C-alpha atoms as a PDB file:
ATOM      1  CA  MET A   1     -16.497  -9.319  11.547  1.00  0.00           C
ATOM      2  CA  ASN A   2     -19.753  -9.654   9.309  1.00  0.00           C
ATOM      3  CA  ASN A   3     -17.956  -9.720   6.000  1.00  0.00           C
ATOM      4  CA  VAL A   4     -14.917 -11.407   4.368  1.00  0.00           C
ATOM      5  CA  TRP A   5     -13.932  -9.434   1.632  1.00  0.00           C
ATOM      6  CA  PRO A   6     -12.889 -11.305  -1.822  1.00  0.00           C
ATOM      7  CA  LEU A   7     -10.113 -10.375  -3.940  1.00  0.00           C
ATOM      8  CA  PRO A   8     -10.679  -9.235  -7.466  1.00  0.00           C
ATOM      9  CA  ARG A   9     -10.708 -11.436 -10.312  1.00  0.00           C
ATOM     10  CA  ILE A  10      -7.007 -11.163 -11.474  1.00  0.00           C
ATOM     11  CA  VAL A  11      -6.318 -11.457 -15.400  1.00  0.00           C
ATOM     12  CA  PHE A  12      -2.960 -12.120 -16.917  1.00  0.00           C
ATOM     13  CA  GLN A  13      -3.492 -10.227 -20.141  1.00  0.00           C
ATOM     14  CA  ASP A  14      -1.753  -8.569 -22.814  1.00  0.00           C
ATOM     15  CA  LEU A  15      -3.319  -5.178 -22.824  1.00  0.00           C
ATOM     16  CA  ALA A  16      -3.386  -4.894 -26.630  1.00  0.00           C
ATOM     17  CA  SER A  17      -6.069  -7.788 -26.522  1.00  0.00           C
ATOM     18  CA  VAL A  18      -8.537  -6.227 -24.320  1.00  0.00           C
ATOM     19  CA  GLN A  19     -11.699  -5.429 -26.006  1.00  0.00           C
ATOM     20  CA  GLU A  20     -13.922  -3.314 -23.866  1.00  0.00           C
ATOM     21  CA  THR A  21     -17.042  -2.083 -25.305  1.00  0.00           C
ATOM     22  CA  ARG A  22     -18.769  -0.359 -22.424  1.00  0.00           C
ATOM     23  CA  PRO A  23     -18.416   3.279 -22.278  1.00  0.00           C
ATOM     24  CA  THR A  24     -15.602   4.098 -19.658  1.00  0.00           C
ATOM     25  CA  ALA A  25     -14.710   6.367 -16.902  1.00  0.00           C
ATOM     26  CA  LEU A  26     -11.088   6.516 -17.116  1.00  0.00           C
ATOM     27  CA  ILE A  27      -9.090   7.447 -13.706  1.00  0.00           C
ATOM     28  CA  THR A  28      -5.448   7.712 -14.436  1.00  0.00           C
ATOM     29  CA  GLU A  29      -2.585  10.311 -14.481  1.00  0.00           C
ATOM     30  CA  ALA A  30      -0.578  11.404 -17.331  1.00  0.00           C
ATOM     31  CA  THR A  31       2.759   9.335 -17.042  1.00  0.00           C
ATOM     32  CA  ALA A  32       0.560   5.862 -16.570  1.00  0.00           C
ATOM     33  CA  TRP A  33      -1.601   6.564 -19.200  1.00  0.00           C
ATOM     34  CA  GLY A  34       1.042   7.556 -21.597  1.00  0.00           C
ATOM     35  CA  ARG A  35       2.576   4.106 -21.119  1.00  0.00           C
ATOM     36  CA  VAL A  36      -0.461   2.190 -22.010  1.00  0.00           C
ATOM     37  CA  ASP A  37      -2.640   4.219 -24.366  1.00  0.00           C
ATOM     38  CA  SER A  38      -1.330   2.866 -27.382  1.00  0.00           C
ATOM     39  CA  MET A  39      -2.335  -0.587 -26.253  1.00  0.00           C
ATOM     40  CA  LEU A  40      -5.423  -0.344 -24.105  1.00  0.00           C
ATOM     41  CA  LYS A  41      -8.110   0.880 -26.299  1.00  0.00           C
ATOM     42  CA  LEU A  42     -11.163   2.080 -24.207  1.00  0.00           C
ATOM     43  CA  PRO A  43     -14.273   3.928 -25.267  1.00  0.00           C
ATOM     44  CA  VAL A  44     -13.591   6.751 -22.772  1.00  0.00           C
ATOM     45  CA  VAL A  45     -16.493   9.005 -22.264  1.00  0.00           C
ATOM     46  CA  VAL A  46     -14.878  11.140 -19.242  1.00  0.00           C
ATOM     47  CA  GLN A  47     -11.344  10.908 -17.894  1.00  0.00           C
ATOM     48  CA  ALA A  48     -10.016  12.314 -14.305  1.00  0.00           C
ATOM     49  CA  GLU A  49      -6.468  12.612 -13.286  1.00  0.00           C
ATOM     50  CA  PRO A  50      -6.879  13.191  -9.406  1.00  0.00           C
ATOM     51  CA  THR A  51      -4.036  14.207  -7.301  1.00  0.00           C
ATOM     52  CA  ARG A  52      -5.873  14.054  -4.195  1.00  0.00           C
ATOM     53  CA  GLN A  53      -7.670  11.791  -1.799  1.00  0.00           C
ATOM     54  CA  ASP A  54      -9.710  13.779   0.579  1.00  0.00           C
ATOM     55  CA  ARG A  55     -13.293  12.673   0.893  1.00  0.00           C
ATOM     56  CA  GLU A  56     -15.082  15.789  -0.332  1.00  0.00           C
ATOM     57  CA  PHE A  57     -13.038  15.636  -3.342  1.00  0.00           C
ATOM     58  CA  VAL A  58     -13.448  12.105  -4.270  1.00  0.00           C
ATOM     59  CA  GLU A  59     -17.362  12.455  -3.109  1.00  0.00           C
ATOM     60  CA  GLU A  60     -17.624  15.279  -5.729  1.00  0.00           C
ATOM     61  CA  LEU A  61     -15.965  13.119  -8.311  1.00  0.00           C
ATOM     62  CA  ALA A  62     -18.402  10.201  -7.833  1.00  0.00           C
ATOM     63  CA  ARG A  63     -21.526  12.428  -7.982  1.00  0.00           C
ATOM     64  CA  SER A  64     -20.162  14.171 -11.256  1.00  0.00           C
ATOM     65  CA  LEU A  65     -19.449  10.697 -12.893  1.00  0.00           C
ATOM     66  CA  PRO A  66     -21.689  10.875 -16.326  1.00  0.00           C
ATOM     67  CA  SER A  67     -24.612   8.646 -16.253  1.00  0.00           C
ATOM     68  CA  ALA A  68     -23.353   7.251 -19.664  1.00  0.00           C
ATOM     69  CA  SER A  69     -20.490   5.494 -18.035  1.00  0.00           C
ATOM     70  CA  GLU A  70     -20.887   1.757 -17.416  1.00  0.00           C
ATOM     71  CA  VAL A  71     -17.671   0.852 -16.316  1.00  0.00           C
ATOM     72  CA  ILE A  72     -14.746   2.614 -14.542  1.00  0.00           C
ATOM     73  CA  TYR A  73     -11.123   2.050 -15.245  1.00  0.00           C
ATOM     74  CA  VAL A  74      -8.379   2.828 -13.231  1.00  0.00           C
ATOM     75  CA  VAL A  75      -4.818   2.847 -14.760  1.00  0.00           C
ATOM     76  CA  GLY A  76      -2.079   3.223 -12.496  1.00  0.00           C
ATOM     77  CA  ASP A  77      -1.677   2.564  -9.047  1.00  0.00           C
ATOM     78  CA  GLY A  78      -1.718   4.025  -5.243  1.00  0.00           C
ATOM     79  CA  LEU A  79      -4.224   6.911  -4.526  1.00  0.00           C
ATOM     80  CA  LEU A  80      -5.773   6.137  -8.123  1.00  0.00           C
ATOM     81  CA  CYS A  81      -7.038   3.016  -6.644  1.00  0.00           C
ATOM     82  CA  ASP A  82      -8.333   4.318  -3.573  1.00  0.00           C
ATOM     83  CA  VAL A  83     -10.181   7.029  -5.611  1.00  0.00           C
ATOM     84  CA  GLY A  84     -11.542   4.423  -8.039  1.00  0.00           C
ATOM     85  CA  ARG A  85     -12.881   2.126  -5.492  1.00  0.00           C
ATOM     86  CA  PHE A  86     -14.719   4.839  -3.782  1.00  0.00           C
ATOM     87  CA  VAL A  87     -16.354   5.985  -6.994  1.00  0.00           C
ATOM     88  CA  SER A  88     -17.075   2.712  -8.010  1.00  0.00           C
ATOM     89  CA  PHE A  89     -18.862   1.821  -4.814  1.00  0.00           C
ATOM     90  CA  ALA A  90     -20.563   5.313  -4.667  1.00  0.00           C
ATOM     91  CA  SER A  91     -21.835   4.969  -8.153  1.00  0.00           C
ATOM     92  CA  ARG A  92     -22.648   1.075  -8.068  1.00  0.00           C
ATOM     93  CA  LYS A  93     -20.613   0.568 -11.267  1.00  0.00           C
ATOM     94  CA  PRO A  94     -17.928  -2.200 -11.961  1.00  0.00           C
ATOM     95  CA  LEU A  95     -14.132  -1.285 -11.517  1.00  0.00           C
ATOM     96  CA  VAL A  96     -11.289  -2.437 -13.522  1.00  0.00           C
ATOM     97  CA  ILE A  97      -7.728  -1.861 -12.207  1.00  0.00           C
ATOM     98  CA  VAL A  98      -4.696  -1.802 -14.770  1.00  0.00           C
ATOM     99  CA  PRO A  99      -1.394  -1.241 -12.760  1.00  0.00           C
ATOM    100  CA  THR A 100       1.360  -0.259 -14.583  1.00  0.00           C
ATOM    101  CA  ALA A 101       3.841  -1.097 -11.919  1.00  0.00           C
ATOM    102  CA  LEU A 102       3.673  -3.449  -8.858  1.00  0.00           C
ATOM    103  CA  ALA A 103       4.310  -0.513  -6.699  1.00  0.00           C
ATOM    104  CA  THR A 104       1.824  -1.004  -3.668  1.00  0.00           C
ATOM    105  CA  ASP A 105      -0.949  -3.561  -2.823  1.00  0.00           C
ATOM    106  CA  GLU A 106      -3.676  -1.194  -3.738  1.00  0.00           C
ATOM    107  CA  PRO A 107      -5.025  -2.959  -6.727  1.00  0.00           C
ATOM    108  CA  PHE A 108      -5.824  -5.698  -4.370  1.00  0.00           C
ATOM    109  CA  VAL A 109      -7.550  -4.304  -1.234  1.00  0.00           C
ATOM    110  CA  ALA A 110     -11.116  -3.971  -0.642  1.00  0.00           C
ATOM    111  CA  THR A 111     -10.676  -0.504   1.071  1.00  0.00           C
ATOM    112  CA  SER A 112     -10.138   3.069   0.009  1.00  0.00           C
ATOM    113  CA  THR A 113      -7.751   5.127   2.293  1.00  0.00           C
ATOM    114  CA  LEU A 114      -9.092   8.672   2.244  1.00  0.00           C
ATOM    115  CA  THR A 115      -8.140  11.632   4.174  1.00  0.00           C
ATOM    116  CA  SER A 116     -10.412  14.284   6.278  1.00  0.00           C
ATOM    117  CA  GLY A 117      -8.199  17.362   7.564  1.00  0.00           C
ATOM    118  CA  ASP A 118      -5.348  15.609   9.307  1.00  0.00           C
ATOM    119  CA  ARG A 119      -7.065  12.211   9.432  1.00  0.00           C
ATOM    120  CA  THR A 120      -6.791   9.111   7.247  1.00  0.00           C
ATOM    121  CA  ALA A 121      -9.544   6.568   7.255  1.00  0.00           C
ATOM    122  CA  GLU A 122      -9.982   3.208   5.726  1.00  0.00           C
ATOM    123  CA  LEU A 123     -13.686   2.822   4.153  1.00  0.00           C
ATOM    124  CA  PRO A 124     -14.983  -0.653   3.294  1.00  0.00           C
ATOM    125  CA  THR A 125     -15.708  -0.345  -0.584  1.00  0.00           C
ATOM    126  CA  GLY A 126     -15.032  -3.821  -1.731  1.00  0.00           C
ATOM    127  CA  ALA A 127     -12.195  -4.872  -4.063  1.00  0.00           C
ATOM    128  CA  ALA A 128     -12.250  -3.968  -7.763  1.00  0.00           C
ATOM    129  CA  ASN A 129     -13.978  -6.454 -10.095  1.00  0.00           C
ATOM    130  CA  GLU A 130     -10.921  -7.185 -12.064  1.00  0.00           C
ATOM    131  CA  VAL A 131      -7.174  -6.519 -11.897  1.00  0.00           C
ATOM    132  CA  ILE A 132      -5.716  -6.690 -15.427  1.00  0.00           C
ATOM    133  CA  ILE A 133      -1.880  -7.331 -15.489  1.00  0.00           C
ATOM    134  CA  ASP A 134       0.460  -7.136 -18.507  1.00  0.00           C
ATOM    135  CA  PHE A 135       3.812  -8.384 -17.410  1.00  0.00           C
ATOM    136  CA  ASP A 136       5.367  -6.572 -20.283  1.00  0.00           C
ATOM    137  CA  VAL A 137       4.094  -3.163 -19.087  1.00  0.00           C
ATOM    138  CA  ILE A 138       5.189  -4.309 -15.330  1.00  0.00           C
ATOM    139  CA  ARG A 139       8.705  -4.963 -16.476  1.00  0.00           C
ATOM    140  CA  ALA A 140       9.287  -1.867 -18.643  1.00  0.00           C
ATOM    141  CA  ALA A 141       8.320   0.193 -15.356  1.00  0.00           C
ATOM    142  CA  SER A 142      10.776   2.270 -13.680  1.00  0.00           C
ATOM    143  CA  PRO A 143      12.900   0.117 -11.486  1.00  0.00           C
ATOM    144  CA  ALA A 144      12.268   1.959  -8.368  1.00  0.00           C
ATOM    145  CA  LEU A 145       8.465   1.434  -9.040  1.00  0.00           C
ATOM    146  CA  ARG A 146       8.554  -1.748 -10.909  1.00  0.00           C
ATOM    147  CA  ALA A 147       8.224  -4.165  -7.599  1.00  0.00           C
ATOM    148  CA  ALA A 148       8.124  -1.620  -5.049  1.00  0.00           C
ATOM    149  CA  ALA A 149       5.141  -3.347  -3.611  1.00  0.00           C
ATOM    150  CA  ILE A 150       7.432  -5.777  -2.006  1.00  0.00           C
ATOM    151  CA  VAL A 151       7.238  -3.350   1.007  1.00  0.00           C
ATOM    152  CA  ASP A 152       3.582  -4.207   1.514  1.00  0.00           C
ATOM    153  CA  VAL A 153       4.715  -7.981   2.042  1.00  0.00           C
ATOM    154  CA  LEU A 154       7.646  -7.239   4.213  1.00  0.00           C
ATOM    155  CA  SER A 155       5.630  -5.108   6.397  1.00  0.00           C
ATOM    156  CA  ILE A 156       4.471  -8.089   7.848  1.00  0.00           C
ATOM    157  CA  PHE A 157       7.711  -8.610  10.032  1.00  0.00           C
ATOM    158  CA  THR A 158       7.003  -5.435  11.938  1.00  0.00           C
ATOM    159  CA  GLY A 159       3.491  -5.771  11.846  1.00  0.00           C
ATOM    160  CA  LEU A 160       3.853  -9.146  13.574  1.00  0.00           C
ATOM    161  CA  MET A 161       6.162  -7.384  15.970  1.00  0.00           C
ATOM    162  CA  ASP A 162       3.486  -4.750  16.741  1.00  0.00           C
ATOM    163  CA  TRP A 163       0.564  -7.242  17.171  1.00  0.00           C
ATOM    164  CA  THR A 164       2.646  -9.595  19.426  1.00  0.00           C
ATOM    165  CA  TYR A 165       3.552  -6.256  21.649  1.00  0.00           C
ATOM    166  CA  ALA A 166      -0.176  -5.581  21.852  1.00  0.00           C
ATOM    167  CA  GLN A 167      -1.120  -8.859  22.716  1.00  0.00           C
ATOM    168  CA  ASP A 168       1.524  -9.143  25.326  1.00  0.00           C
ATOM    169  CA  MET A 169       0.524  -5.746  26.774  1.00  0.00           C
ATOM    170  CA  GLY A 170      -3.361  -6.872  26.843  1.00  0.00           C
ATOM    171  CA  HIS A 171      -4.456  -4.754  24.126  1.00  0.00           C
ATOM    172  CA  GLU A 172      -5.481  -7.618  21.719  1.00  0.00           C
ATOM    173  CA  ASP A 173      -9.004  -5.630  21.210  1.00  0.00           C
ATOM    174  CA  GLY A 174     -10.763  -8.953  19.787  1.00  0.00           C
ATOM    175  CA  ALA A 175      -7.668  -9.460  17.410  1.00  0.00           C
ATOM    176  CA  LYS A 176      -6.011 -12.478  18.964  1.00  0.00           C
ATOM    177  CA  LEU A 177      -2.718 -13.782  17.249  1.00  0.00           C
ATOM    178  CA  LEU A 178      -2.945 -17.244  16.529  1.00  0.00           C
ATOM    179  CA  PRO A 179       0.421 -18.864  16.234  1.00  0.00           C
ATOM    180  CA  TRP A 180      -0.619 -20.693  12.908  1.00  0.00           C
ATOM    181  CA  VAL A 181      -1.289 -17.486  11.438  1.00  0.00           C
ATOM    182  CA  ALA A 182       1.835 -15.901  12.284  1.00  0.00           C
ATOM    183  CA  GLY A 183       3.925 -18.955  10.751  1.00  0.00           C
ATOM    184  CA  VAL A 184       1.970 -18.737   7.636  1.00  0.00           C
ATOM    185  CA  ALA A 185       2.675 -14.825   7.461  1.00  0.00           C
ATOM    186  CA  ALA A 186       6.269 -15.309   8.417  1.00  0.00           C
ATOM    187  CA  GLN A 187       6.679 -17.761   5.475  1.00  0.00           C
ATOM    188  CA  ILE A 188       4.930 -15.288   2.942  1.00  0.00           C
ATOM    189  CA  ALA A 189       7.519 -12.324   4.024  1.00  0.00           C
ATOM    190  CA  GLY A 190      10.101 -14.945   4.021  1.00  0.00           C
ATOM    191  CA  HIS A 191       9.810 -15.838   0.422  1.00  0.00           C
ATOM    192  CA  ALA A 192       9.608 -11.904  -0.371  1.00  0.00           C
ATOM    193  CA  LEU A 193      13.108 -11.729   1.101  1.00  0.00           C
ATOM    194  CA  LYS A 194      14.348 -14.630  -1.047  1.00  0.00           C
ATOM    195  CA  ILE A 195      13.054 -13.174  -4.424  1.00  0.00           C
ATOM    196  CA  ALA A 196      14.183  -9.556  -3.781  1.00  0.00           C
ATOM    197  CA  PRO A 197      17.239  -9.531  -6.054  1.00  0.00           C
ATOM    198  CA  ALA A 198      15.325 -11.142  -8.879  1.00  0.00           C
ATOM    199  CA  LEU A 199      12.760  -8.421  -8.440  1.00  0.00           C
ATOM    200  CA  GLY A 200      15.174  -5.816  -8.846  1.00  0.00           C
ATOM    201  CA  THR A 201      16.128  -7.239 -12.267  1.00  0.00           C
ATOM    202  CA  GLY A 202      12.554  -7.603 -13.569  1.00  0.00           C
ATOM    203  CA  ASP A 203      12.559 -11.259 -13.647  1.00  0.00           C
ATOM    204  CA  SER A 204       9.155 -12.398 -15.034  1.00  0.00           C
ATOM    205  CA  ASP A 205       8.777 -15.465 -12.350  1.00  0.00           C
ATOM    206  CA  ALA A 206       9.827 -13.268  -9.374  1.00  0.00           C
ATOM    207  CA  LEU A 207       7.209 -10.676 -10.544  1.00  0.00           C
ATOM    208  CA  ARG A 208       4.195 -13.469 -10.700  1.00  0.00           C
ATOM    209  CA  ASP A 209       5.347 -14.341  -7.244  1.00  0.00           C
ATOM    210  CA  LEU A 210       5.124 -10.933  -5.960  1.00  0.00           C
ATOM    211  CA  VAL A 211       1.731 -10.951  -7.207  1.00  0.00           C
ATOM    212  CA  ILE A 212       0.817 -13.988  -5.523  1.00  0.00           C
ATOM    213  CA  LEU A 213       2.602 -12.630  -2.209  1.00  0.00           C
ATOM    214  CA  LEU A 214       0.381  -9.608  -2.300  1.00  0.00           C
ATOM    215  CA  CYS A 215      -2.917 -11.500  -2.827  1.00  0.00           C
ATOM    216  CA  LEU A 216      -1.918 -13.980   0.070  1.00  0.00           C
ATOM    217  CA  THR A 217      -1.233 -11.014   2.165  1.00  0.00           C
ATOM    218  CA  VAL A 218      -4.381  -9.227   1.514  1.00  0.00           C
ATOM    219  CA  GLN A 219      -6.670 -12.211   1.768  1.00  0.00           C
ATOM    220  CA  ILE A 220      -5.411 -13.208   5.066  1.00  0.00           C
ATOM    221  CA  ASP A 221      -5.972  -9.808   6.061  1.00  0.00           C
ATOM    222  CA  ASN A 222      -9.701 -10.059   4.701  1.00  0.00           C
ATOM    223  CA  GLN A 223     -10.280 -13.241   6.386  1.00  0.00           C
ATOM    224  CA  LEU A 224      -8.962 -11.755   9.840  1.00  0.00           C
ATOM    225  CA  GLY A 225     -11.188  -8.799   9.249  1.00  0.00           C
ATOM    226  CA  HIS A 226      -8.287  -6.369  10.174  1.00  0.00           C
ATOM    227  CA  ARG A 227      -4.936  -5.129   8.783  1.00  0.00           C
ATOM    228  CA  ARG A 228      -2.907  -5.880  12.036  1.00  0.00           C
ATOM    229  CA  LEU A 229      -0.879  -8.686  10.339  1.00  0.00           C
ATOM    230  CA  SER A 230       0.224  -6.248   7.363  1.00  0.00           C
ATOM    231  CA  GLN A 231       0.111  -2.684   8.978  1.00  0.00           C
ATOM    232  CA  GLY A 232       1.709  -1.620  12.112  1.00  0.00           C
ATOM    233  CA  SER A 233       4.032   1.298  13.171  1.00  0.00           C
ATOM    234  CA  GLU A 234       5.538   1.334   9.685  1.00  0.00           C
ATOM    235  CA  HIS A 235       2.252   2.309   8.034  1.00  0.00           C
ATOM    236  CA  ILE A 236       1.447   4.727  10.971  1.00  0.00           C
ATOM    237  CA  PHE A 237       4.726   6.480  10.257  1.00  0.00           C
ATOM    238  CA  ALA A 238       3.994   6.640   6.261  1.00  0.00           C
ATOM    239  CA  ASN A 239       0.473   7.910   6.953  1.00  0.00           C
ATOM    240  CA  ALA A 240       1.910  10.692   9.340  1.00  0.00           C
ATOM    241  CA  LEU A 241       4.531  11.537   6.401  1.00  0.00           C
ATOM    242  CA  LEU A 242       1.441  12.416   4.068  1.00  0.00           C
ATOM    243  CA  LEU A 243       0.550  15.264   6.467  1.00  0.00           C
ATOM    244  CA  ASN A 244       3.921  16.903   6.318  1.00  0.00           C
ATOM    245  CA  ASP A 245       4.264  19.677   3.447  1.00  0.00           C
ATOM    246  CA  THR A 246       7.771  19.451   2.952  1.00  0.00           C
ATOM    247  CA  VAL A 247       7.483  15.679   2.137  1.00  0.00           C
ATOM    248  CA  VAL A 248       7.108  15.687  -1.944  1.00  0.00           C
ATOM    249  CA  ASP A 249       8.018  13.130  -4.563  1.00  0.00           C
ATOM    250  CA  VAL A 250       7.988  10.349  -2.155  1.00  0.00           C
ATOM    251  CA  SER A 251       5.935   7.261  -3.267  1.00  0.00           C
ATOM    252  CA  HIS A 252       4.100   5.051  -0.811  1.00  0.00           C
ATOM    253  CA  ALA A 253       7.037   2.265  -0.929  1.00  0.00           C
ATOM    254  CA  GLU A 254       9.657   4.795  -0.020  1.00  0.00           C
ATOM    255  CA  ARG A 255       7.554   6.054   2.892  1.00  0.00           C
ATOM    256  CA  VAL A 256       6.434   2.338   4.260  1.00  0.00           C
ATOM    257  CA  ALA A 257      10.147   1.256   3.794  1.00  0.00           C
ATOM    258  CA  ALA A 258      11.306   4.013   6.040  1.00  0.00           C
ATOM    259  CA  GLY A 259       8.886   3.104   8.351  1.00  0.00           C
ATOM    260  CA  ILE A 260       9.850  -0.578   8.278  1.00  0.00           C
ATOM    261  CA  LEU A 261      13.367   0.246   9.067  1.00  0.00           C
ATOM    262  CA  LEU A 262      12.210   2.639  11.953  1.00  0.00           C
ATOM    263  CA  ALA A 263       9.931   0.294  13.397  1.00  0.00           C
ATOM    264  CA  THR A 264      12.362  -2.844  13.356  1.00  0.00           C
ATOM    265  CA  ALA A 265      14.805  -0.517  15.191  1.00  0.00           C
ATOM    266  CA  LEU A 266      12.149   0.414  17.808  1.00  0.00           C
ATOM    267  CA  HIS A 267      11.678  -3.267  18.389  1.00  0.00           C
ATOM    268  CA  GLY A 268      15.610  -3.644  18.988  1.00  0.00           C
ATOM    269  CA  LYS A 269      15.995  -5.580  15.761  1.00  0.00           C
ATOM    270  CA  ASP A 270      18.834  -5.453  12.980  1.00  0.00           C
ATOM    271  CA  VAL A 271      17.601  -3.341   9.883  1.00  0.00           C
ATOM    272  CA  SER A 272      20.431  -4.324   7.547  1.00  0.00           C
ATOM    273  CA  GLY A 273      18.491  -7.566   6.163  1.00  0.00           C
ATOM    274  CA  LEU A 274      15.466  -5.716   5.461  1.00  0.00           C
ATOM    275  CA  ARG A 275      17.156  -2.665   4.211  1.00  0.00           C
ATOM    276  CA  GLY A 276      19.351  -4.859   1.755  1.00  0.00           C
ATOM    277  CA  ALA A 277      16.215  -6.763   0.499  1.00  0.00           C
ATOM    278  CA  MET A 278      14.238  -3.508  -0.421  1.00  0.00           C
ATOM    279  CA  GLU A 279      17.138  -2.025  -1.960  1.00  0.00           C
ATOM    280  CA  ALA A 280      17.943  -5.113  -3.978  1.00  0.00           C
ATOM    281  CA  ALA A 281      14.310  -5.013  -5.208  1.00  0.00           C
ATOM    282  CA  GLY A 282      14.828  -1.667  -6.484  1.00  0.00           C
ATOM    283  CA  VAL A 283      12.991   0.442  -3.759  1.00  0.00           C
ATOM    284  CA  ARG A 284      14.814   3.885  -2.889  1.00  0.00           C
ATOM    285  CA  VAL A 285      14.958   3.599   0.835  1.00  0.00           C
ATOM    286  CA  GLY A 286      16.577   6.893   1.759  1.00  0.00           C
ATOM    287  CA  GLN A 287      14.126   9.033  -0.365  1.00  0.00           C
ATOM    288  CA  VAL A 288      12.217  10.712   2.846  1.00  0.00           C
ATOM    289  CA  LYS A 289      14.755  13.601   3.758  1.00  0.00           C
ATOM    290  CA  PRO A 290      16.207  12.803   6.941  1.00  0.00           C
ATOM    291  CA  ASN A 291      14.559  15.810   8.867  1.00  0.00           C
ATOM    292  CA  ASP A 292      11.208  14.975   7.768  1.00  0.00           C
ATOM    293  CA  VAL A 293      12.090  11.585   9.163  1.00  0.00           C
ATOM    294  CA  ARG A 294      13.289  12.877  12.361  1.00  0.00           C
ATOM    295  CA  GLU A 295      10.306  15.355  12.960  1.00  0.00           C
ATOM    296  CA  THR A 296       8.088  12.839  11.982  1.00  0.00           C
ATOM    297  CA  PHE A 297       9.080   9.827  14.074  1.00  0.00           C
ATOM    298  CA  LEU A 298       9.969  11.820  17.141  1.00  0.00           C
ATOM    299  CA  GLU A 299       6.341  12.779  17.235  1.00  0.00           C
ATOM    300  CA  LEU A 300       4.604   9.631  16.292  1.00  0.00           C
ATOM    301  CA  PRO A 301       3.506   8.449  19.667  1.00  0.00           C
ATOM    302  CA  GLU A 302       1.100  11.411  19.701  1.00  0.00           C
ATOM    303  CA  TYR A 303      -0.215  10.941  16.211  1.00  0.00           C
ATOM    304  CA  ALA A 304      -0.688   7.371  16.694  1.00  0.00           C
ATOM    305  CA  ARG A 305      -2.784   7.906  19.852  1.00  0.00           C
ATOM    306  CA  SER A 306      -4.857  10.541  18.239  1.00  0.00           C
ATOM    307  CA  THR A 307      -5.897   8.742  15.389  1.00  0.00           C
ATOM    308  CA  LYS A 308      -6.786   5.676  17.444  1.00  0.00           C
ATOM    309  CA  ALA A 309      -4.190   3.492  15.337  1.00  0.00           C
ATOM    310  CA  PRO A 310      -3.994  -0.300  16.371  1.00  0.00           C
ATOM    311  CA  TYR A 311      -2.125  -0.705  19.682  1.00  0.00           C
ATOM    312  CA  THR A 312       1.830  -0.763  19.039  1.00  0.00           C
ATOM    313  CA  LEU A 313       4.883  -0.061  21.317  1.00  0.00           C
ATOM    314  CA  LEU A 314       4.208   3.730  20.346  1.00  0.00           C
ATOM    315  CA  ASN A 315       1.286   3.845  22.634  1.00  0.00           C
ATOM    316  CA  ASP A 316       3.391   3.322  25.533  1.00  0.00           C
ATOM    317  CA  LEU A 317       6.100   6.032  24.432  1.00  0.00           C
ATOM    318  CA  GLN A 318       6.460   9.727  24.697  1.00  0.00           C
ATOM    319  CA  ASN A 319       7.224  12.115  21.830  1.00  0.00           C
ATOM    320  CA  ASN A 320      11.116  12.679  21.631  1.00  0.00           C
ATOM    321  CA  SER A 321      11.585  10.008  24.267  1.00  0.00           C
ATOM    322  CA  ALA A 322      15.113   8.304  24.471  1.00  0.00           C
ATOM    323  CA  GLN A 323      13.675   5.021  23.057  1.00  0.00           C
ATOM    324  CA  LEU A 324      12.569   6.981  19.811  1.00  0.00           C
ATOM    325  CA  ILE A 325      15.892   8.638  19.388  1.00  0.00           C
ATOM    326  CA  GLU A 326      17.878   5.376  19.777  1.00  0.00           C
ATOM    327  CA  ALA A 327      15.889   3.515  17.308  1.00  0.00           C
ATOM    328  CA  LEU A 328      16.100   6.630  14.955  1.00  0.00           C
ATOM    329  CA  THR A 329      19.991   6.175  15.046  1.00  0.00           C
ATOM    330  CA  ARG A 330      19.650   2.663  14.526  1.00  0.00           C
ATOM    331  CA  SER A 331      17.491   2.843  11.673  1.00  0.00           C
ATOM    332  CA  THR A 332      20.418   4.088   9.304  1.00  0.00           C
ATOM    333  CA  LEU A 333      17.964   6.545   7.895  1.00  0.00           C
ATOM    334  CA  LEU A 334      20.125   9.232   8.979  1.00  0.00           C
ATOM    335  CA  ASP A 335      23.187   7.861   7.720  1.00  0.00           C
END
């Protein structure tokens, strides 16, 4: 590890008080921008509303950025942040992210996840320069998205299970799990469990806590130089779902939530506590169609090996194995 990426500067601010004078390239989508355009006044010179994050597309977007643009704003979350970070990195222009919900950890990370064919890859781009959070905007978001990023904290539980398994099997790959790291991480995820019901009601203190928990999780990953702590087989499953043409209108959180239940069941643990917490926070846990869950999960071992994902229990299983079928049943996703 040669670099330890920092977090973005995080500003808690009323969007109506933002005074941006730099010519702006805006990356957003209609629903997100429609929620804030009356408050956030930007001198926009070009606006893009990407729905793809394949590398060829984002490289072309970066090349076509008007030279007059002095700053890039992302308004929204998810793939918009991935696209914005890459365009910022490629153009060497500063990036400001304005999330309209706490739907993922994407506003805070230092990589862009892009697709190429049937593969996904994380490219180190550096984090945004600034993230502006208006809690009035966050509270007004759809309950299914408002605090859905809790899944990116709760995935610490399954990430630790996978990391421990990899170490026990002699597949550290240079990533040794230190007991104190596991202890700190478990406390972070444990607090997410405690505040889940308050997140579901849009409680201001709980939402601020969620921002802190997300930043702590991302910064530990940054310090470690990898994401074994917070991303395991649950994120492998979520990425595999992206390649299924029948999976539509399913958010990042909904894909990861299903992955958390599957990974928990695969490790022989009870899923009820995690499912209850995610549902209490507003996450639509059963949004992935049962048939898509079944087809993707039962073929996940080969996908994990083919993408050279970090070593997990999946590496020692075969597609359609009895252990996968049992975990699928115990996950409660087919109920």
